[in-house]
Amino acid sequence: MTLIPTCPHGRRPSRRSVITGLTAAALVPTAASAAASPEDERFMRIAIAEARRADFPFGAVIVRDGAPIMRGRNRGRATDDPTAHGEMVAIRRCAARHGSKAMKGATLYTSGEPCVMCMGAILWCGFGRLVYAASVEQIATKLNQIMVTSSDIAAKAPFSHIAITGGVLADEAMALFK
């Protein structure tokens, strides 16, 4: 006899809800489950270098085929633009110079786990991988944050398949907040 799990309302779960749940489980990898490669650390150092030059200590680099194709850093104060986060600056510059197709399947490295706005943009751009240093929880000890993780947002986007690795050089990124 096969038991079929039911939802709280007593019906079988839909195929979509099962797939969404499995996808969410697959997207949970963070620093605890994914070790940083030397390549991850090399590109994260570029993102952290951008963060050192930023209005707030957030920097990003977009990598395609093993090479950086665009960088960005937080420019919110300089431009009086609250959306000028490091990831958004890198994405806008990349789209302007290379077109949006350059981001499909690429990797975005960022010194801090993306906020809700930036993570939405990352998903809509079709990045294949996200690597971040400091987590939302860590950053919240220094700045106000919307307490939603990148994995939480990605789990709500069944159209996107993105690998997420967190915690790469997090201590170095957090040191910029002192």
C-alpha atoms as a PDB file:
ATOM      1  CA  MET A   1       0.000   0.000   0.000  1.00  0.00           C
ATOM      2  CA  THR A   2       1.423   3.380  -1.010  1.00  0.00           C
ATOM      3  CA  LEU A   3       0.770   6.346   1.215  1.00  0.00           C
ATOM      4  CA  ILE A   4       0.263   9.639  -0.569  1.00  0.00           C
ATOM      5  CA  PRO A   5       1.015  12.689   1.573  1.00  0.00           C
ATOM      6  CA  THR A   6      -1.788  15.178   1.939  1.00  0.00           C
ATOM      7  CA  CYS A   7      -1.859  18.895   2.555  1.00  0.00           C
ATOM      8  CA  PRO A   8      -3.530  20.387   5.645  1.00  0.00           C
ATOM      9  CA  HIS A   9      -6.793  20.667   3.673  1.00  0.00           C
ATOM     10  CA  GLY A  10      -6.787  16.872   3.145  1.00  0.00           C
ATOM     11  CA  ARG A  11      -6.034  16.851  -0.593  1.00  0.00           C
ATOM     12  CA  ARG A  12      -2.970  15.624  -2.399  1.00  0.00           C
ATOM     13  CA  PRO A  13      -0.366  18.316  -3.054  1.00  0.00           C
ATOM     14  CA  SER A  14      -0.187  19.622  -6.594  1.00  0.00           C
ATOM     15  CA  ARG A  15       2.698  18.658  -8.849  1.00  0.00           C
ATOM     16  CA  ARG A  16       3.760  22.318  -8.872  1.00  0.00           C
ATOM     17  CA  SER A  17       3.915  22.516  -5.052  1.00  0.00           C
ATOM     18  CA  VAL A  18       5.981  19.333  -4.884  1.00  0.00           C
ATOM     19  CA  ILE A  19       8.405  20.610  -7.556  1.00  0.00           C
ATOM     20  CA  THR A  20       8.626  24.014  -5.888  1.00  0.00           C
ATOM     21  CA  GLY A  21       9.391  22.368  -2.552  1.00  0.00           C
ATOM     22  CA  LEU A  22      12.083  20.179  -4.050  1.00  0.00           C
ATOM     23  CA  THR A  23      13.575  23.150  -5.883  1.00  0.00           C
ATOM     24  CA  ALA A  24      13.655  25.152  -2.651  1.00  0.00           C
ATOM     25  CA  ALA A  25      15.469  22.323  -0.914  1.00  0.00           C
ATOM     26  CA  ALA A  26      18.035  22.193  -3.719  1.00  0.00           C
ATOM     27  CA  LEU A  27      18.719  25.927  -3.465  1.00  0.00           C
ATOM     28  CA  VAL A  28      19.583  26.000   0.207  1.00  0.00           C
ATOM     29  CA  PRO A  29      23.373  25.505  -0.151  1.00  0.00           C
ATOM     30  CA  THR A  30      25.295  28.143   1.782  1.00  0.00           C
ATOM     31  CA  ALA A  31      28.679  28.438   3.416  1.00  0.00           C
ATOM     32  CA  ALA A  32      27.948  25.485   5.643  1.00  0.00           C
ATOM     33  CA  SER A  33      27.473  23.095   2.720  1.00  0.00           C
ATOM     34  CA  ALA A  34      29.625  24.501  -0.069  1.00  0.00           C
ATOM     35  CA  ALA A  35      33.342  25.047   0.343  1.00  0.00           C
ATOM     36  CA  ALA A  36      34.832  28.011  -1.443  1.00  0.00           C
ATOM     37  CA  SER A  37      37.165  27.219  -4.290  1.00  0.00           C
ATOM     38  CA  PRO A  38      40.361  29.210  -4.893  1.00  0.00           C
ATOM     39  CA  GLU A  39      38.570  30.743  -7.886  1.00  0.00           C
ATOM     40  CA  ASP A  40      35.651  31.814  -5.652  1.00  0.00           C
ATOM     41  CA  GLU A  41      38.066  33.494  -3.262  1.00  0.00           C
ATOM     42  CA  ARG A  42      39.912  35.227  -6.108  1.00  0.00           C
ATOM     43  CA  PHE A  43      36.735  36.753  -7.539  1.00  0.00           C
ATOM     44  CA  MET A  44      35.366  37.561  -4.082  1.00  0.00           C
ATOM     45  CA  ARG A  45      38.517  39.569  -3.389  1.00  0.00           C
ATOM     46  CA  ILE A  46      37.666  41.662  -6.465  1.00  0.00           C
ATOM     47  CA  ALA A  47      34.145  42.255  -5.108  1.00  0.00           C
ATOM     48  CA  ILE A  48      35.569  43.200  -1.699  1.00  0.00           C
ATOM     49  CA  ALA A  49      38.042  45.592  -3.371  1.00  0.00           C
ATOM     50  CA  GLU A  50      35.061  47.285  -5.047  1.00  0.00           C
ATOM     51  CA  ALA A  51      33.311  47.418  -1.658  1.00  0.00           C
ATOM     52  CA  ARG A  52      36.305  49.270  -0.174  1.00  0.00           C
ATOM     53  CA  ARG A  53      35.722  52.083  -2.705  1.00  0.00           C
ATOM     54  CA  ALA A  54      31.941  52.218  -2.243  1.00  0.00           C
ATOM     55  CA  ASP A  55      29.600  54.616  -0.442  1.00  0.00           C
ATOM     56  CA  PHE A  56      28.542  51.663   1.718  1.00  0.00           C
ATOM     57  CA  PRO A  57      30.810  48.586   1.795  1.00  0.00           C
ATOM     58  CA  PHE A  58      29.120  46.591  -0.948  1.00  0.00           C
ATOM     59  CA  GLY A  59      30.817  45.543  -4.170  1.00  0.00           C
ATOM     60  CA  ALA A  60      30.109  43.048  -6.930  1.00  0.00           C
ATOM     61  CA  VAL A  61      31.756  41.430  -9.930  1.00  0.00           C
ATOM     62  CA  ILE A  62      30.138  39.518 -12.784  1.00  0.00           C
ATOM     63  CA  VAL A  63      32.174  36.578 -14.074  1.00  0.00           C
ATOM     64  CA  ARG A  64      31.616  34.761 -17.353  1.00  0.00           C
ATOM     65  CA  ASP A  65      33.771  31.914 -18.666  1.00  0.00           C
ATOM     66  CA  GLY A  66      36.297  32.387 -15.864  1.00  0.00           C
ATOM     67  CA  ALA A  67      36.872  36.100 -16.427  1.00  0.00           C
ATOM     68  CA  PRO A  68      35.392  39.234 -14.858  1.00  0.00           C
ATOM     69  CA  ILE A  69      33.246  41.119 -17.366  1.00  0.00           C
ATOM     70  CA  MET A  70      31.878  43.870 -15.109  1.00  0.00           C
ATOM     71  CA  ARG A  71      32.278  45.357 -11.651  1.00  0.00           C
ATOM     72  CA  GLY A  72      30.065  47.526  -9.508  1.00  0.00           C
ATOM     73  CA  ARG A  73      30.035  49.143  -6.089  1.00  0.00           C
ATOM     74  CA  ASN A  74      27.426  50.888  -3.997  1.00  0.00           C
ATOM     75  CA  ARG A  75      26.971  54.443  -5.292  1.00  0.00           C
ATOM     76  CA  GLY A  76      23.772  55.401  -3.480  1.00  0.00           C
ATOM     77  CA  ARG A  77      25.174  58.498  -1.798  1.00  0.00           C
ATOM     78  CA  ALA A  78      27.216  59.681  -4.779  1.00  0.00           C
ATOM     79  CA  THR A  79      24.258  59.441  -7.166  1.00  0.00           C
ATOM     80  CA  ASP A  80      21.424  60.085  -4.682  1.00  0.00           C
ATOM     81  CA  ASP A  81      19.951  56.805  -5.941  1.00  0.00           C
ATOM     82  CA  PRO A  82      18.768  54.338  -3.286  1.00  0.00           C
ATOM     83  CA  THR A  83      18.782  51.566  -5.917  1.00  0.00           C
ATOM     84  CA  ALA A  84      22.476  52.006  -6.767  1.00  0.00           C
ATOM     85  CA  HIS A  85      23.576  48.909  -4.853  1.00  0.00           C
ATOM     86  CA  GLY A  86      26.777  47.190  -5.971  1.00  0.00           C
ATOM     87  CA  GLU A  87      24.913  44.366  -7.710  1.00  0.00           C
ATOM     88  CA  MET A  88      22.532  46.755  -9.492  1.00  0.00           C
ATOM     89  CA  VAL A  89      25.411  48.959 -10.682  1.00  0.00           C
ATOM     90  CA  ALA A  90      27.263  45.911 -12.056  1.00  0.00           C
ATOM     91  CA  ILE A  91      24.093  44.582 -13.734  1.00  0.00           C
ATOM     92  CA  ARG A  92      23.249  47.940 -15.343  1.00  0.00           C
ATOM     93  CA  ARG A  93      26.797  48.422 -16.596  1.00  0.00           C
ATOM     94  CA  CYS A  94      26.953  44.861 -17.926  1.00  0.00           C
ATOM     95  CA  ALA A  95      23.658  45.243 -19.780  1.00  0.00           C
ATOM     96  CA  ALA A  96      24.805  48.548 -21.277  1.00  0.00           C
ATOM     97  CA  ARG A  97      28.186  47.232 -22.418  1.00  0.00           C
ATOM     98  CA  HIS A  98      27.538  43.564 -23.227  1.00  0.00           C
ATOM     99  CA  GLY A  99      23.753  43.184 -23.418  1.00  0.00           C
ATOM    100  CA  SER A 100      21.563  41.151 -21.107  1.00  0.00           C
ATOM    101  CA  LYS A 101      22.503  37.822 -22.713  1.00  0.00           C
ATOM    102  CA  ALA A 102      25.992  38.112 -21.200  1.00  0.00           C
ATOM    103  CA  MET A 103      24.487  37.554 -17.753  1.00  0.00           C
ATOM    104  CA  LYS A 104      22.592  34.359 -18.634  1.00  0.00           C
ATOM    105  CA  GLY A 105      24.369  31.557 -16.789  1.00  0.00           C
ATOM    106  CA  ALA A 106      27.132  33.856 -15.480  1.00  0.00           C
ATOM    107  CA  THR A 107      28.225  34.099 -11.843  1.00  0.00           C
ATOM    108  CA  LEU A 108      27.728  37.170  -9.686  1.00  0.00           C
ATOM    109  CA  TYR A 109      30.079  37.607  -6.718  1.00  0.00           C
ATOM    110  CA  THR A 110      29.053  40.116  -4.071  1.00  0.00           C
ATOM    111  CA  SER A 111      30.532  41.196  -0.763  1.00  0.00           C
ATOM    112  CA  GLY A 112      27.149  40.982   0.973  1.00  0.00           C
ATOM    113  CA  GLU A 113      24.170  38.708   0.500  1.00  0.00           C
ATOM    114  CA  PRO A 114      21.861  40.508  -1.938  1.00  0.00           C
ATOM    115  CA  CYS A 115      18.853  42.395  -0.655  1.00  0.00           C
ATOM    116  CA  VAL A 116      15.383  41.589  -1.951  1.00  0.00           C
ATOM    117  CA  MET A 117      15.662  44.126  -4.802  1.00  0.00           C
ATOM    118  CA  CYS A 118      19.066  42.902  -5.953  1.00  0.00           C
ATOM    119  CA  MET A 119      18.150  39.231  -5.678  1.00  0.00           C
ATOM    120  CA  GLY A 120      15.070  39.847  -7.789  1.00  0.00           C
ATOM    121  CA  ALA A 121      17.243  41.468 -10.460  1.00  0.00           C
ATOM    122  CA  ILE A 122      19.756  38.595 -10.275  1.00  0.00           C
ATOM    123  CA  LEU A 123      16.971  36.086 -10.887  1.00  0.00           C
ATOM    124  CA  TRP A 124      15.402  38.086 -13.730  1.00  0.00           C
ATOM    125  CA  CYS A 125      18.821  38.379 -15.408  1.00  0.00           C
ATOM    126  CA  GLY A 126      19.215  34.604 -15.425  1.00  0.00           C
ATOM    127  CA  PHE A 127      22.487  34.290 -13.528  1.00  0.00           C
ATOM    128  CA  GLY A 128      23.472  30.662 -13.052  1.00  0.00           C
ATOM    129  CA  ARG A 129      25.289  31.191  -9.788  1.00  0.00           C
ATOM    130  CA  LEU A 130      25.457  33.639  -6.897  1.00  0.00           C
ATOM    131  CA  VAL A 131      28.389  33.756  -4.490  1.00  0.00           C
ATOM    132  CA  TYR A 132      28.266  36.111  -1.516  1.00  0.00           C
ATOM    133  CA  ALA A 133      30.499  36.905   1.439  1.00  0.00           C
ATOM    134  CA  ALA A 134      28.579  38.252   4.460  1.00  0.00           C
ATOM    135  CA  SER A 135      25.049  36.980   5.079  1.00  0.00           C
ATOM    136  CA  VAL A 136      21.951  39.109   5.616  1.00  0.00           C
ATOM    137  CA  GLU A 137      22.081  38.108   9.281  1.00  0.00           C
ATOM    138  CA  GLN A 138      25.687  39.262   9.619  1.00  0.00           C
ATOM    139  CA  ILE A 139      25.046  42.549   7.805  1.00  0.00           C
ATOM    140  CA  ALA A 140      22.005  43.212  10.007  1.00  0.00           C
ATOM    141  CA  THR A 141      24.363  43.557  12.974  1.00  0.00           C
ATOM    142  CA  LYS A 142      25.744  46.705  11.296  1.00  0.00           C
ATOM    143  CA  LEU A 143      22.939  48.082   9.063  1.00  0.00           C
ATOM    144  CA  ASN A 144      19.183  47.841   8.717  1.00  0.00           C
ATOM    145  CA  GLN A 145      18.235  44.880   6.535  1.00  0.00           C
ATOM    146  CA  ILE A 146      15.090  43.271   5.173  1.00  0.00           C
ATOM    147  CA  MET A 147      15.499  39.861   6.752  1.00  0.00           C
ATOM    148  CA  VAL A 148      14.869  37.675   3.699  1.00  0.00           C
ATOM    149  CA  THR A 149      17.650  35.447   2.415  1.00  0.00           C
ATOM    150  CA  SER A 150      18.661  34.929  -1.192  1.00  0.00           C
ATOM    151  CA  SER A 151      17.673  31.270  -0.941  1.00  0.00           C
ATOM    152  CA  ASP A 152      14.198  32.260   0.305  1.00  0.00           C
ATOM    153  CA  ILE A 153      13.696  34.519  -2.713  1.00  0.00           C
ATOM    154  CA  ALA A 154      15.129  31.997  -5.191  1.00  0.00           C
ATOM    155  CA  ALA A 155      12.783  29.335  -3.824  1.00  0.00           C
ATOM    156  CA  LYS A 156       9.840  31.521  -4.855  1.00  0.00           C
ATOM    157  CA  ALA A 157      11.105  31.795  -8.448  1.00  0.00           C
ATOM    158  CA  PRO A 158      10.508  28.390 -10.056  1.00  0.00           C
ATOM    159  CA  PHE A 159      11.491  29.850 -13.448  1.00  0.00           C
ATOM    160  CA  SER A 160      15.073  30.346 -12.278  1.00  0.00           C
ATOM    161  CA  HIS A 161      17.724  27.763 -11.528  1.00  0.00           C
ATOM    162  CA  ILE A 162      20.528  29.376  -9.565  1.00  0.00           C
ATOM    163  CA  ALA A 163      23.224  27.853  -7.381  1.00  0.00           C
ATOM    164  CA  ILE A 164      23.950  29.867  -4.249  1.00  0.00           C
ATOM    165  CA  THR A 165      27.139  29.775  -2.194  1.00  0.00           C
ATOM    166  CA  GLY A 166      27.460  31.988   0.868  1.00  0.00           C
ATOM    167  CA  GLY A 167      30.091  32.880   3.420  1.00  0.00           C
ATOM    168  CA  VAL A 168      33.068  33.184   1.051  1.00  0.00           C
ATOM    169  CA  LEU A 169      35.525  35.521   2.833  1.00  0.00           C
ATOM    170  CA  ALA A 170      32.702  36.764   5.069  1.00  0.00           C
ATOM    171  CA  ASP A 171      35.092  37.944   7.806  1.00  0.00           C
ATOM    172  CA  GLU A 172      36.972  40.146   5.310  1.00  0.00           C
ATOM    173  CA  ALA A 173      33.719  41.645   4.061  1.00  0.00           C
ATOM    174  CA  MET A 174      32.425  42.283   7.576  1.00  0.00           C
ATOM    175  CA  ALA A 175      35.684  44.001   8.534  1.00  0.00           C
ATOM    176  CA  LEU A 176      34.742  46.804   6.107  1.00  0.00           C
ATOM    177  CA  PHE A 177      31.909  47.825   8.441  1.00  0.00           C
ATOM    178  CA  LYS A 178      34.264  48.902  11.248  1.00  0.00           C
END
